[in-house]
Amino acid sequence: MEKIDTRGMSCPQPVLMTKNAIEEHPEGLDILVDNNTAKNNITRFLKNLGYNLEYKQESKDILIEARK
């Protein structure tokens, strides 16, 4: 599964990276975030596209698993 790392970025950059990656990998991808704002914005974006999401805590970061 494709994985993108958006840690250290402020919005809207994490959402734009997710948008570009999901266009190349429509079956799904993993997104690593380090703040709740990015998590919430990416979650809203992907749910609007119909993706199922799971979250996993990875030390201080959150891994968002998006699948169709």
PDB file of N, CA and C in Angstrom:
ATOM      1  N   MET A   1       0.846  -1.174   0.000  1.00  0.00           N
ATOM      2  CA  MET A   1       0.000   0.000   0.000  1.00  0.00           C
ATOM      3  C   MET A   1       0.891   1.236   0.000  1.00  0.00           C
ATOM      4  N   GLU A   2       0.536   2.213  -0.793  1.00  0.00           N
ATOM      5  CA  GLU A   2       1.277   3.472  -0.872  1.00  0.00           C
ATOM      6  C   GLU A   2       1.153   4.216   0.462  1.00  0.00           C
ATOM      7  N   LYS A   3       2.245   4.839   0.889  1.00  0.00           N
ATOM      8  CA  LYS A   3       2.242   5.577   2.153  1.00  0.00           C
ATOM      9  C   LYS A   3       2.834   6.966   1.912  1.00  0.00           C
ATOM     10  N   ILE A   4       2.129   7.991   2.401  1.00  0.00           N
ATOM     11  CA  ILE A   4       2.660   9.346   2.299  1.00  0.00           C
ATOM     12  C   ILE A   4       2.868   9.908   3.705  1.00  0.00           C
ATOM     13  N   ASP A   5       3.847  10.755   3.826  1.00  0.00           N
ATOM     14  CA  ASP A   5       4.226  11.342   5.108  1.00  0.00           C
ATOM     15  C   ASP A   5       3.962  12.842   5.060  1.00  0.00           C
ATOM     16  N   THR A   6       2.975  13.290   5.839  1.00  0.00           N
ATOM     17  CA  THR A   6       2.634  14.722   5.850  1.00  0.00           C
ATOM     18  C   THR A   6       3.065  15.392   7.150  1.00  0.00           C
ATOM     19  N   ARG A   7       3.886  14.714   7.928  1.00  0.00           N
ATOM     20  CA  ARG A   7       4.321  15.293   9.208  1.00  0.00           C
ATOM     21  C   ARG A   7       5.091  16.590   8.970  1.00  0.00           C
ATOM     22  N   GLY A   8       4.849  17.555   9.846  1.00  0.00           N
ATOM     23  CA  GLY A   8       5.547  18.829   9.772  1.00  0.00           C
ATOM     24  C   GLY A   8       4.937  19.825   8.804  1.00  0.00           C
ATOM     25  N   MET A   9       3.854  19.444   8.151  1.00  0.00           N
ATOM     26  CA  MET A   9       3.212  20.332   7.178  1.00  0.00           C
ATOM     27  C   MET A   9       1.939  20.916   7.769  1.00  0.00           C
ATOM     28  N   SER A  10       1.644  22.149   7.364  1.00  0.00           N
ATOM     29  CA  SER A  10       0.395  22.768   7.806  1.00  0.00           C
ATOM     30  C   SER A  10      -0.614  22.729   6.667  1.00  0.00           C
ATOM     31  N   CYS A  11      -1.880  22.733   7.031  1.00  0.00           N
ATOM     32  CA  CYS A  11      -2.936  22.674   6.024  1.00  0.00           C
ATOM     33  C   CYS A  11      -2.912  23.935   5.184  1.00  0.00           C
ATOM     34  N   PRO A  12      -3.197  23.774   3.914  1.00  0.00           N
ATOM     35  CA  PRO A  12      -3.851  22.650   3.245  1.00  0.00           C
ATOM     36  C   PRO A  12      -2.888  21.626   2.629  1.00  0.00           C
ATOM     37  N   GLN A  13      -1.584  21.755   2.862  1.00  0.00           N
ATOM     38  CA  GLN A  13      -0.618  20.866   2.205  1.00  0.00           C
ATOM     39  C   GLN A  13      -0.895  19.373   2.423  1.00  0.00           C
ATOM     40  N   PRO A  14      -1.201  18.890   3.647  1.00  0.00           N
ATOM     41  CA  PRO A  14      -1.484  17.459   3.812  1.00  0.00           C
ATOM     42  C   PRO A  14      -2.680  16.981   2.968  1.00  0.00           C
ATOM     43  N   VAL A  15      -3.714  17.813   2.868  1.00  0.00           N
ATOM     44  CA  VAL A  15      -4.883  17.437   2.069  1.00  0.00           C
ATOM     45  C   VAL A  15      -4.525  17.404   0.585  1.00  0.00           C
ATOM     46  N   LEU A  16      -3.753  18.369   0.130  1.00  0.00           N
ATOM     47  CA  LEU A  16      -3.342  18.389  -1.280  1.00  0.00           C
ATOM     48  C   LEU A  16      -2.459  17.191  -1.614  1.00  0.00           C
ATOM     49  N   MET A  17      -1.560  16.827  -0.709  1.00  0.00           N
ATOM     50  CA  MET A  17      -0.730  15.633  -0.937  1.00  0.00           C
ATOM     51  C   MET A  17      -1.599  14.378  -0.999  1.00  0.00           C
ATOM     52  N   THR A  18      -2.591  14.306  -0.108  1.00  0.00           N
ATOM     53  CA  THR A  18      -3.504  13.163  -0.095  1.00  0.00           C
ATOM     54  C   THR A  18      -4.292  13.114  -1.395  1.00  0.00           C
ATOM     55  N   LYS A  19      -4.781  14.243  -1.847  1.00  0.00           N
ATOM     56  CA  LYS A  19      -5.545  14.304  -3.097  1.00  0.00           C
ATOM     57  C   LYS A  19      -4.709  13.795  -4.272  1.00  0.00           C
ATOM     58  N   ASN A  20      -3.476  14.257  -4.374  1.00  0.00           N
ATOM     59  CA  ASN A  20      -2.602  13.821  -5.466  1.00  0.00           C
ATOM     60  C   ASN A  20      -2.295  12.328  -5.386  1.00  0.00           C
ATOM     61  N   ALA A  21      -2.038  11.836  -4.181  1.00  0.00           N
ATOM     62  CA  ALA A  21      -1.707  10.418  -4.009  1.00  0.00           C
ATOM     63  C   ALA A  21      -2.911   9.530  -4.289  1.00  0.00           C
ATOM     64  N   ILE A  22      -4.104   9.949  -3.883  1.00  0.00           N
ATOM     65  CA  ILE A  22      -5.301   9.118  -4.077  1.00  0.00           C
ATOM     66  C   ILE A  22      -5.676   9.054  -5.558  1.00  0.00           C
ATOM     67  N   GLU A  23      -5.322  10.074  -6.318  1.00  0.00           N
ATOM     68  CA  GLU A  23      -5.565  10.022  -7.762  1.00  0.00           C
ATOM     69  C   GLU A  23      -4.706   8.944  -8.419  1.00  0.00           C
ATOM     70  N   GLU A  24      -3.502   8.733  -7.893  1.00  0.00           N
ATOM     71  CA  GLU A  24      -2.603   7.705  -8.431  1.00  0.00           C
ATOM     72  C   GLU A  24      -2.884   6.334  -7.847  1.00  0.00           C
ATOM     73  N   HIS A  25      -3.463   6.284  -6.651  1.00  0.00           N
ATOM     74  CA  HIS A  25      -3.718   5.018  -5.951  1.00  0.00           C
ATOM     75  C   HIS A  25      -5.155   5.008  -5.434  1.00  0.00           C
ATOM     76  N   PRO A  26      -6.139   4.922  -6.338  1.00  0.00           N
ATOM     77  CA  PRO A  26      -7.543   5.030  -5.911  1.00  0.00           C
ATOM     78  C   PRO A  26      -8.020   3.882  -5.023  1.00  0.00           C
ATOM     79  N   GLU A  27      -7.278   2.773  -4.989  1.00  0.00           N
ATOM     80  CA  GLU A  27      -7.679   1.649  -4.127  1.00  0.00           C
ATOM     81  C   GLU A  27      -7.454   1.964  -2.657  1.00  0.00           C
ATOM     82  N   GLY A  28      -6.592   2.939  -2.380  1.00  0.00           N
ATOM     83  CA  GLY A  28      -6.350   3.357  -1.008  1.00  0.00           C
ATOM     84  C   GLY A  28      -4.894   3.666  -0.754  1.00  0.00           C
ATOM     85  N   LEU A  29      -4.646   4.238   0.424  1.00  0.00           N
ATOM     86  CA  LEU A  29      -3.283   4.550   0.817  1.00  0.00           C
ATOM     87  C   LEU A  29      -3.223   4.792   2.310  1.00  0.00           C
ATOM     88  N   ASP A  30      -2.003   4.906   2.828  1.00  0.00           N
ATOM     89  CA  ASP A  30      -1.754   5.205   4.230  1.00  0.00           C
ATOM     90  C   ASP A  30      -1.171   6.610   4.308  1.00  0.00           C
ATOM     91  N   ILE A  31      -1.674   7.390   5.252  1.00  0.00           N
ATOM     92  CA  ILE A  31      -1.224   8.767   5.412  1.00  0.00           C
ATOM     93  C   ILE A  31      -0.746   8.955   6.849  1.00  0.00           C
ATOM     94  N   LEU A  32       0.471   9.423   7.003  1.00  0.00           N
ATOM     95  CA  LEU A  32       1.040   9.679   8.319  1.00  0.00           C
ATOM     96  C   LEU A  32       0.906  11.171   8.628  1.00  0.00           C
ATOM     97  N   VAL A  33       0.257  11.480   9.753  1.00  0.00           N
ATOM     98  CA  VAL A  33       0.054  12.877  10.167  1.00  0.00           C
ATOM     99  C   VAL A  33       0.572  13.067  11.588  1.00  0.00           C
ATOM    100  N   ASP A  34       0.838  14.332  11.940  1.00  0.00           N
ATOM    101  CA  ASP A  34       1.351  14.610  13.281  1.00  0.00           C
ATOM    102  C   ASP A  34       0.516  15.628  14.044  1.00  0.00           C
ATOM    103  N   ASN A  35      -0.670  15.953  13.511  1.00  0.00           N
ATOM    104  CA  ASN A  35      -1.526  16.898  14.233  1.00  0.00           C
ATOM    105  C   ASN A  35      -2.993  16.630  13.919  1.00  0.00           C
ATOM    106  N   ASN A  36      -3.844  17.038  14.843  1.00  0.00           N
ATOM    107  CA  ASN A  36      -5.281  16.768  14.705  1.00  0.00           C
ATOM    108  C   ASN A  36      -5.932  17.558  13.581  1.00  0.00           C
ATOM    109  N   THR A  37      -5.432  18.739  13.272  1.00  0.00           N
ATOM    110  CA  THR A  37      -6.010  19.524  12.184  1.00  0.00           C
ATOM    111  C   THR A  37      -5.862  18.784  10.866  1.00  0.00           C
ATOM    112  N   ALA A  38      -4.665  18.284  10.592  1.00  0.00           N
ATOM    113  CA  ALA A  38      -4.437  17.524   9.357  1.00  0.00           C
ATOM    114  C   ALA A  38      -5.285  16.251   9.365  1.00  0.00           C
ATOM    115  N   LYS A  39      -5.338  15.570  10.496  1.00  0.00           N
ATOM    116  CA  LYS A  39      -6.145  14.341  10.604  1.00  0.00           C
ATOM    117  C   LYS A  39      -7.606  14.635  10.287  1.00  0.00           C
ATOM    118  N   ASN A  40      -8.152  15.683  10.877  1.00  0.00           N
ATOM    119  CA  ASN A  40      -9.564  16.013  10.669  1.00  0.00           C
ATOM    120  C   ASN A  40      -9.853  16.433   9.235  1.00  0.00           C
ATOM    121  N   ASN A  41      -8.978  17.238   8.649  1.00  0.00           N
ATOM    122  CA  ASN A  41      -9.193  17.693   7.272  1.00  0.00           C
ATOM    123  C   ASN A  41      -9.057  16.552   6.269  1.00  0.00           C
ATOM    124  N   ILE A  42      -8.069  15.695   6.452  1.00  0.00           N
ATOM    125  CA  ILE A  42      -7.896  14.533   5.567  1.00  0.00           C
ATOM    126  C   ILE A  42      -9.065  13.575   5.734  1.00  0.00           C
ATOM    127  N   THR A  43      -9.507  13.375   6.973  1.00  0.00           N
ATOM    128  CA  THR A  43     -10.658  12.499   7.233  1.00  0.00           C
ATOM    129  C   THR A  43     -11.895  13.001   6.496  1.00  0.00           C
ATOM    130  N   ARG A  44     -12.185  14.280   6.606  1.00  0.00           N
ATOM    131  CA  ARG A  44     -13.355  14.863   5.939  1.00  0.00           C
ATOM    132  C   ARG A  44     -13.248  14.695   4.417  1.00  0.00           C
ATOM    133  N   PHE A  45     -12.073  14.982   3.869  1.00  0.00           N
ATOM    134  CA  PHE A  45     -11.846  14.866   2.433  1.00  0.00           C
ATOM    135  C   PHE A  45     -12.072  13.424   1.951  1.00  0.00           C
ATOM    136  N   LEU A  46     -11.474  12.455   2.630  1.00  0.00           N
ATOM    137  CA  LEU A  46     -11.571  11.060   2.194  1.00  0.00           C
ATOM    138  C   LEU A  46     -12.965  10.478   2.409  1.00  0.00           C
ATOM    139  N   LYS A  47     -13.635  10.858   3.474  1.00  0.00           N
ATOM    140  CA  LYS A  47     -15.004  10.363   3.694  1.00  0.00           C
ATOM    141  C   LYS A  47     -15.938  10.876   2.603  1.00  0.00           C
ATOM    142  N   ASN A  48     -15.717  12.112   2.160  1.00  0.00           N
ATOM    143  CA  ASN A  48     -16.525  12.647   1.058  1.00  0.00           C
ATOM    144  C   ASN A  48     -16.309  11.872  -0.238  1.00  0.00           C
ATOM    145  N   LEU A  49     -15.158  11.231  -0.367  1.00  0.00           N
ATOM    146  CA  LEU A  49     -14.865  10.412  -1.546  1.00  0.00           C
ATOM    147  C   LEU A  49     -15.300   8.956  -1.362  1.00  0.00           C
ATOM    148  N   GLY A  50     -15.819   8.618  -0.191  1.00  0.00           N
ATOM    149  CA  GLY A  50     -16.337   7.280   0.059  1.00  0.00           C
ATOM    150  C   GLY A  50     -15.325   6.274   0.588  1.00  0.00           C
ATOM    151  N   TYR A  51     -14.231   6.745   1.160  1.00  0.00           N
ATOM    152  CA  TYR A  51     -13.226   5.822   1.696  1.00  0.00           C
ATOM    153  C   TYR A  51     -13.569   5.408   3.113  1.00  0.00           C
ATOM    154  N   ASN A  52     -13.212   4.169   3.445  1.00  0.00           N
ATOM    155  CA  ASN A  52     -13.310   3.668   4.811  1.00  0.00           C
ATOM    156  C   ASN A  52     -11.977   3.967   5.485  1.00  0.00           C
ATOM    157  N   LEU A  53     -12.031   4.466   6.707  1.00  0.00           N
ATOM    158  CA  LEU A  53     -10.811   4.907   7.388  1.00  0.00           C
ATOM    159  C   LEU A  53     -10.606   4.170   8.699  1.00  0.00           C
ATOM    160  N   GLU A  54      -9.343   3.875   8.973  1.00  0.00           N
ATOM    161  CA  GLU A  54      -8.929   3.349  10.267  1.00  0.00           C
ATOM    162  C   GLU A  54      -7.749   4.176  10.731  1.00  0.00           C
ATOM    163  N   TYR A  55      -7.625   4.321  12.048  1.00  0.00           N
ATOM    164  CA  TYR A  55      -6.561   5.132  12.620  1.00  0.00           C
ATOM    165  C   TYR A  55      -5.705   4.276  13.535  1.00  0.00           C
ATOM    166  N   LYS A  56      -4.389   4.468  13.442  1.00  0.00           N
ATOM    167  CA  LYS A  56      -3.459   3.768  14.319  1.00  0.00           C
ATOM    168  C   LYS A  56      -2.481   4.779  14.884  1.00  0.00           C
ATOM    169  N   GLN A  57      -2.295   4.712  16.194  1.00  0.00           N
ATOM    170  CA  GLN A  57      -1.339   5.604  16.846  1.00  0.00           C
ATOM    171  C   GLN A  57       0.058   5.029  16.655  1.00  0.00           C
ATOM    172  N   GLU A  58       0.981   5.851  16.180  1.00  0.00           N
ATOM    173  CA  GLU A  58       2.372   5.459  16.016  1.00  0.00           C
ATOM    174  C   GLU A  58       3.224   6.465  16.772  1.00  0.00           C
ATOM    175  N   SER A  59       3.512   6.156  18.013  1.00  0.00           N
ATOM    176  CA  SER A  59       4.161   7.064  18.971  1.00  0.00           C
ATOM    177  C   SER A  59       3.400   8.387  18.993  1.00  0.00           C
ATOM    178  N   LYS A  60       3.987   9.489  18.546  1.00  0.00           N
ATOM    179  CA  LYS A  60       3.303  10.784  18.587  1.00  0.00           C
ATOM    180  C   LYS A  60       2.478  11.034  17.331  1.00  0.00           C
ATOM    181  N   ASP A  61       2.587  10.167  16.359  1.00  0.00           N
ATOM    182  CA  ASP A  61       1.939  10.372  15.068  1.00  0.00           C
ATOM    183  C   ASP A  61       0.707   9.481  14.910  1.00  0.00           C
ATOM    184  N   ILE A  62      -0.100   9.787  13.907  1.00  0.00           N
ATOM    185  CA  ILE A  62      -1.292   9.010  13.601  1.00  0.00           C
ATOM    186  C   ILE A  62      -1.194   8.517  12.167  1.00  0.00           C
ATOM    187  N   LEU A  63      -1.438   7.227  11.985  1.00  0.00           N
ATOM    188  CA  LEU A  63      -1.482   6.637  10.649  1.00  0.00           C
ATOM    189  C   LEU A  63      -2.946   6.492  10.259  1.00  0.00           C
ATOM    190  N   ILE A  64      -3.319   7.101   9.151  1.00  0.00           N
ATOM    191  CA  ILE A  64      -4.671   6.986   8.614  1.00  0.00           C
ATOM    192  C   ILE A  64      -4.619   5.959   7.483  1.00  0.00           C
ATOM    193  N   GLU A  65      -5.380   4.890   7.619  1.00  0.00           N
ATOM    194  CA  GLU A  65      -5.466   3.881   6.563  1.00  0.00           C
ATOM    195  C   GLU A  65      -6.773   4.100   5.820  1.00  0.00           C
ATOM    196  N   ALA A  66      -6.670   4.456   4.564  1.00  0.00           N
ATOM    197  CA  ALA A  66      -7.847   4.736   3.730  1.00  0.00           C
ATOM    198  C   ALA A  66      -7.993   3.612   2.711  1.00  0.00           C
ATOM    199  N   ARG A  67      -9.181   2.995   2.650  1.00  0.00           N
ATOM    200  CA  ARG A  67      -9.443   1.889   1.722  1.00  0.00           C
ATOM    201  C   ARG A  67     -10.804   2.082   1.078  1.00  0.00           C
ATOM    202  N   LYS A  68     -10.914   1.673  -0.168  1.00  0.00           N
ATOM    203  CA  LYS A  68     -12.205   1.688  -0.877  1.00  0.00           C
ATOM    204  C   LYS A  68     -12.949   0.435  -0.550  1.00  0.00           C
TER     205      LYS A  68
END
